[in-house]
Amino acid sequence: NNVGHAYFSGFGTIVPQDCVASIDEGAHEQALKYMKDIYGAEITTSDKVL
């Protein structure tokens, strides 16, 4: 998990939710929630990052 590695290395993270994938929509939403809740990742979209 790159977000976890970044977190433990002292970096903040931004995850554009439309640029990551999982096996199904439920797993996708669960993974995004986990990254936000556990690692403090900012979940956004690619158009807001670029």
PDB file of N, CA and C in Angstrom:
ATOM      1  N   ASN A   1       0.842  -1.174   0.000  1.00  0.00           N
ATOM      2  CA  ASN A   1       0.000   0.000   0.000  1.00  0.00           C
ATOM      3  C   ASN A   1       0.886   1.236   0.000  1.00  0.00           C
ATOM      4  N   ASN A   2       0.895   1.975  -1.056  1.00  0.00           N
ATOM      5  CA  ASN A   2       1.722   3.177  -1.164  1.00  0.00           C
ATOM      6  C   ASN A   2       1.263   4.288  -0.235  1.00  0.00           C
ATOM      7  N   VAL A   3      -0.031   4.396   0.021  1.00  0.00           N
ATOM      8  CA  VAL A   3      -0.530   5.423   0.936  1.00  0.00           C
ATOM      9  C   VAL A   3      -0.019   5.147   2.345  1.00  0.00           C
ATOM     10  N   GLY A   4      -0.047   3.906   2.754  1.00  0.00           N
ATOM     11  CA  GLY A   4       0.468   3.540   4.073  1.00  0.00           C
ATOM     12  C   GLY A   4       1.951   3.827   4.199  1.00  0.00           C
ATOM     13  N   HIS A   5       2.706   3.485   3.194  1.00  0.00           N
ATOM     14  CA  HIS A   5       4.147   3.740   3.209  1.00  0.00           C
ATOM     15  C   HIS A   5       4.419   5.242   3.288  1.00  0.00           C
ATOM     16  N   ALA A   6       3.700   6.030   2.513  1.00  0.00           N
ATOM     17  CA  ALA A   6       3.867   7.487   2.551  1.00  0.00           C
ATOM     18  C   ALA A   6       3.525   8.027   3.939  1.00  0.00           C
ATOM     19  N   TYR A   7       2.440   7.532   4.516  1.00  0.00           N
ATOM     20  CA  TYR A   7       2.010   7.970   5.847  1.00  0.00           C
ATOM     21  C   TYR A   7       3.101   7.707   6.884  1.00  0.00           C
ATOM     22  N   PHE A   8       3.626   6.493   6.902  1.00  0.00           N
ATOM     23  CA  PHE A   8       4.641   6.136   7.893  1.00  0.00           C
ATOM     24  C   PHE A   8       5.991   6.791   7.613  1.00  0.00           C
ATOM     25  N   SER A   9       6.145   7.353   6.424  1.00  0.00           N
ATOM     26  CA  SER A   9       7.363   8.102   6.089  1.00  0.00           C
ATOM     27  C   SER A   9       7.186   9.597   6.342  1.00  0.00           C
ATOM     28  N   GLY A  10       6.014   9.992   6.846  1.00  0.00           N
ATOM     29  CA  GLY A  10       5.776  11.378   7.208  1.00  0.00           C
ATOM     30  C   GLY A  10       5.165  12.247   6.130  1.00  0.00           C
ATOM     31  N   PHE A  11       4.673  11.635   5.063  1.00  0.00           N
ATOM     32  CA  PHE A  11       4.069  12.401   3.969  1.00  0.00           C
ATOM     33  C   PHE A  11       2.550  12.404   4.077  1.00  0.00           C
ATOM     34  N   GLY A  12       1.928  13.485   3.627  1.00  0.00           N
ATOM     35  CA  GLY A  12       0.494  13.516   3.435  1.00  0.00           C
ATOM     36  C   GLY A  12       0.196  12.957   2.055  1.00  0.00           C
ATOM     37  N   THR A  13      -1.011  12.481   1.842  1.00  0.00           N
ATOM     38  CA  THR A  13      -1.344  11.891   0.545  1.00  0.00           C
ATOM     39  C   THR A  13      -2.660  12.439   0.007  1.00  0.00           C
ATOM     40  N   ILE A  14      -2.724  12.499  -1.303  1.00  0.00           N
ATOM     41  CA  ILE A  14      -3.941  12.856  -2.026  1.00  0.00           C
ATOM     42  C   ILE A  14      -4.238  11.694  -2.965  1.00  0.00           C
ATOM     43  N   VAL A  15      -5.447  11.156  -2.879  1.00  0.00           N
ATOM     44  CA  VAL A  15      -5.835  10.015  -3.705  1.00  0.00           C
ATOM     45  C   VAL A  15      -6.964  10.440  -4.642  1.00  0.00           C
ATOM     46  N   PRO A  16      -6.689  10.569  -5.944  1.00  0.00           N
ATOM     47  CA  PRO A  16      -7.770  10.847  -6.895  1.00  0.00           C
ATOM     48  C   PRO A  16      -8.573   9.558  -7.125  1.00  0.00           C
ATOM     49  N   GLN A  17      -9.783   9.525  -6.603  1.00  0.00           N
ATOM     50  CA  GLN A  17     -10.564   8.287  -6.580  1.00  0.00           C
ATOM     51  C   GLN A  17     -10.880   7.726  -7.962  1.00  0.00           C
ATOM     52  N   ASP A  18     -10.850   8.557  -8.985  1.00  0.00           N
ATOM     53  CA  ASP A  18     -11.108   8.070 -10.334  1.00  0.00           C
ATOM     54  C   ASP A  18      -9.833   7.570 -11.025  1.00  0.00           C
ATOM     55  N   CYS A  19      -8.727   7.525 -10.299  1.00  0.00           N
ATOM     56  CA  CYS A  19      -7.454   7.031 -10.859  1.00  0.00           C
ATOM     57  C   CYS A  19      -6.975   5.763 -10.166  1.00  0.00           C
ATOM     58  N   VAL A  20      -7.777   5.232  -9.261  1.00  0.00           N
ATOM     59  CA  VAL A  20      -7.441   3.985  -8.574  1.00  0.00           C
ATOM     60  C   VAL A  20      -8.598   3.013  -8.760  1.00  0.00           C
ATOM     61  N   ALA A  21      -8.314   1.730  -8.633  1.00  0.00           N
ATOM     62  CA  ALA A  21      -9.350   0.730  -8.885  1.00  0.00           C
ATOM     63  C   ALA A  21      -9.247  -0.421  -7.897  1.00  0.00           C
ATOM     64  N   SER A  22     -10.299  -1.214  -7.849  1.00  0.00           N
ATOM     65  CA  SER A  22     -10.347  -2.414  -7.035  1.00  0.00           C
ATOM     66  C   SER A  22     -11.167  -3.455  -7.788  1.00  0.00           C
ATOM     67  N   ILE A  23     -11.365  -4.607  -7.164  1.00  0.00           N
ATOM     68  CA  ILE A  23     -12.054  -5.697  -7.854  1.00  0.00           C
ATOM     69  C   ILE A  23     -13.537  -5.420  -8.088  1.00  0.00           C
ATOM     70  N   ASP A  24     -14.143  -4.602  -7.230  1.00  0.00           N
ATOM     71  CA  ASP A  24     -15.537  -4.203  -7.428  1.00  0.00           C
ATOM     72  C   ASP A  24     -15.780  -2.875  -6.714  1.00  0.00           C
ATOM     73  N   GLU A  25     -16.933  -2.286  -6.931  1.00  0.00           N
ATOM     74  CA  GLU A  25     -17.230  -0.957  -6.390  1.00  0.00           C
ATOM     75  C   GLU A  25     -17.232  -0.941  -4.863  1.00  0.00           C
ATOM     76  N   GLY A  26     -17.737  -1.999  -4.245  1.00  0.00           N
ATOM     77  CA  GLY A  26     -17.751  -2.062  -2.784  1.00  0.00           C
ATOM     78  C   GLY A  26     -16.354  -2.057  -2.196  1.00  0.00           C
ATOM     79  N   ALA A  27     -15.470  -2.848  -2.778  1.00  0.00           N
ATOM     80  CA  ALA A  27     -14.080  -2.888  -2.317  1.00  0.00           C
ATOM     81  C   ALA A  27     -13.392  -1.553  -2.568  1.00  0.00           C
ATOM     82  N   HIS A  28     -13.731  -0.912  -3.677  1.00  0.00           N
ATOM     83  CA  HIS A  28     -13.170   0.401  -4.011  1.00  0.00           C
ATOM     84  C   HIS A  28     -13.542   1.425  -2.932  1.00  0.00           C
ATOM     85  N   GLU A  29     -14.812   1.494  -2.602  1.00  0.00           N
ATOM     86  CA  GLU A  29     -15.280   2.444  -1.587  1.00  0.00           C
ATOM     87  C   GLU A  29     -14.675   2.131  -0.220  1.00  0.00           C
ATOM     88  N   GLN A  30     -14.583   0.855   0.117  1.00  0.00           N
ATOM     89  CA  GLN A  30     -14.005   0.457   1.398  1.00  0.00           C
ATOM     90  C   GLN A  30     -12.532   0.859   1.479  1.00  0.00           C
ATOM     91  N   ALA A  31     -11.789   0.665   0.405  1.00  0.00           N
ATOM     92  CA  ALA A  31     -10.369   1.021   0.381  1.00  0.00           C
ATOM     93  C   ALA A  31     -10.183   2.530   0.506  1.00  0.00           C
ATOM     94  N   LEU A  32     -11.007   3.311  -0.184  1.00  0.00           N
ATOM     95  CA  LEU A  32     -10.919   4.770  -0.079  1.00  0.00           C
ATOM     96  C   LEU A  32     -11.219   5.231   1.342  1.00  0.00           C
ATOM     97  N   LYS A  33     -12.246   4.649   1.951  1.00  0.00           N
ATOM     98  CA  LYS A  33     -12.599   5.000   3.329  1.00  0.00           C
ATOM     99  C   LYS A  33     -11.462   4.642   4.276  1.00  0.00           C
ATOM    100  N   TYR A  34     -10.855   3.489   4.087  1.00  0.00           N
ATOM    101  CA  TYR A  34      -9.740   3.056   4.931  1.00  0.00           C
ATOM    102  C   TYR A  34      -8.567   4.028   4.810  1.00  0.00           C
ATOM    103  N   MET A  35      -8.215   4.405   3.580  1.00  0.00           N
ATOM    104  CA  MET A  35      -7.092   5.329   3.385  1.00  0.00           C
ATOM    105  C   MET A  35      -7.372   6.681   4.036  1.00  0.00           C
ATOM    106  N   LYS A  36      -8.617   7.126   3.973  1.00  0.00           N
ATOM    107  CA  LYS A  36      -8.985   8.400   4.591  1.00  0.00           C
ATOM    108  C   LYS A  36      -8.981   8.288   6.114  1.00  0.00           C
ATOM    109  N   ASP A  37      -9.642   7.268   6.647  1.00  0.00           N
ATOM    110  CA  ASP A  37      -9.804   7.132   8.095  1.00  0.00           C
ATOM    111  C   ASP A  37      -8.513   6.755   8.816  1.00  0.00           C
ATOM    112  N   ILE A  38      -7.738   5.857   8.247  1.00  0.00           N
ATOM    113  CA  ILE A  38      -6.541   5.349   8.923  1.00  0.00           C
ATOM    114  C   ILE A  38      -5.316   6.208   8.637  1.00  0.00           C
ATOM    115  N   TYR A  39      -5.136   6.602   7.390  1.00  0.00           N
ATOM    116  CA  TYR A  39      -3.923   7.321   6.997  1.00  0.00           C
ATOM    117  C   TYR A  39      -4.133   8.819   6.778  1.00  0.00           C
ATOM    118  N   GLY A  40      -5.355   9.293   6.902  1.00  0.00           N
ATOM    119  CA  GLY A  40      -5.621  10.711   6.724  1.00  0.00           C
ATOM    120  C   GLY A  40      -5.497  11.194   5.292  1.00  0.00           C
ATOM    121  N   ALA A  41      -5.621  10.282   4.341  1.00  0.00           N
ATOM    122  CA  ALA A  41      -5.507  10.655   2.930  1.00  0.00           C
ATOM    123  C   ALA A  41      -6.656  11.575   2.531  1.00  0.00           C
ATOM    124  N   GLU A  42      -6.351  12.527   1.688  1.00  0.00           N
ATOM    125  CA  GLU A  42      -7.380  13.386   1.106  1.00  0.00           C
ATOM    126  C   GLU A  42      -7.902  12.680  -0.139  1.00  0.00           C
ATOM    127  N   ILE A  43      -9.187  12.344  -0.150  1.00  0.00           N
ATOM    128  CA  ILE A  43      -9.799  11.671  -1.288  1.00  0.00           C
ATOM    129  C   ILE A  43     -10.450  12.741  -2.158  1.00  0.00           C
ATOM    130  N   THR A  44     -10.087  12.762  -3.423  1.00  0.00           N
ATOM    131  CA  THR A  44     -10.577  13.790  -4.337  1.00  0.00           C
ATOM    132  C   THR A  44     -10.734  13.182  -5.727  1.00  0.00           C
ATOM    133  N   THR A  45     -10.845  14.002  -6.741  1.00  0.00           N
ATOM    134  CA  THR A  45     -10.919  13.525  -8.124  1.00  0.00           C
ATOM    135  C   THR A  45      -9.752  14.088  -8.919  1.00  0.00           C
ATOM    136  N   SER A  46      -9.472  13.467 -10.047  1.00  0.00           N
ATOM    137  CA  SER A  46      -8.315  13.879 -10.851  1.00  0.00           C
ATOM    138  C   SER A  46      -8.454  15.307 -11.375  1.00  0.00           C
ATOM    139  N   ASP A  47      -9.672  15.737 -11.683  1.00  0.00           N
ATOM    140  CA  ASP A  47      -9.822  17.102 -12.198  1.00  0.00           C
ATOM    141  C   ASP A  47      -9.482  18.156 -11.144  1.00  0.00           C
ATOM    142  N   LYS A  48      -9.575  17.814  -9.879  1.00  0.00           N
ATOM    143  CA  LYS A  48      -9.201  18.749  -8.816  1.00  0.00           C
ATOM    144  C   LYS A  48      -7.702  18.721  -8.527  1.00  0.00           C
ATOM    145  N   VAL A  49      -7.034  17.639  -8.921  1.00  0.00           N
ATOM    146  CA  VAL A  49      -5.589  17.517  -8.696  1.00  0.00           C
ATOM    147  C   VAL A  49      -4.812  18.171  -9.827  1.00  0.00           C
ATOM    148  N   LEU A  50      -5.304  18.017 -11.059  1.00  0.00           N
ATOM    149  CA  LEU A  50      -4.573  18.520 -12.227  1.00  0.00           C
ATOM    150  C   LEU A  50      -4.817  19.975 -12.498  1.00  0.00           C
TER     151      LEU A  50
END
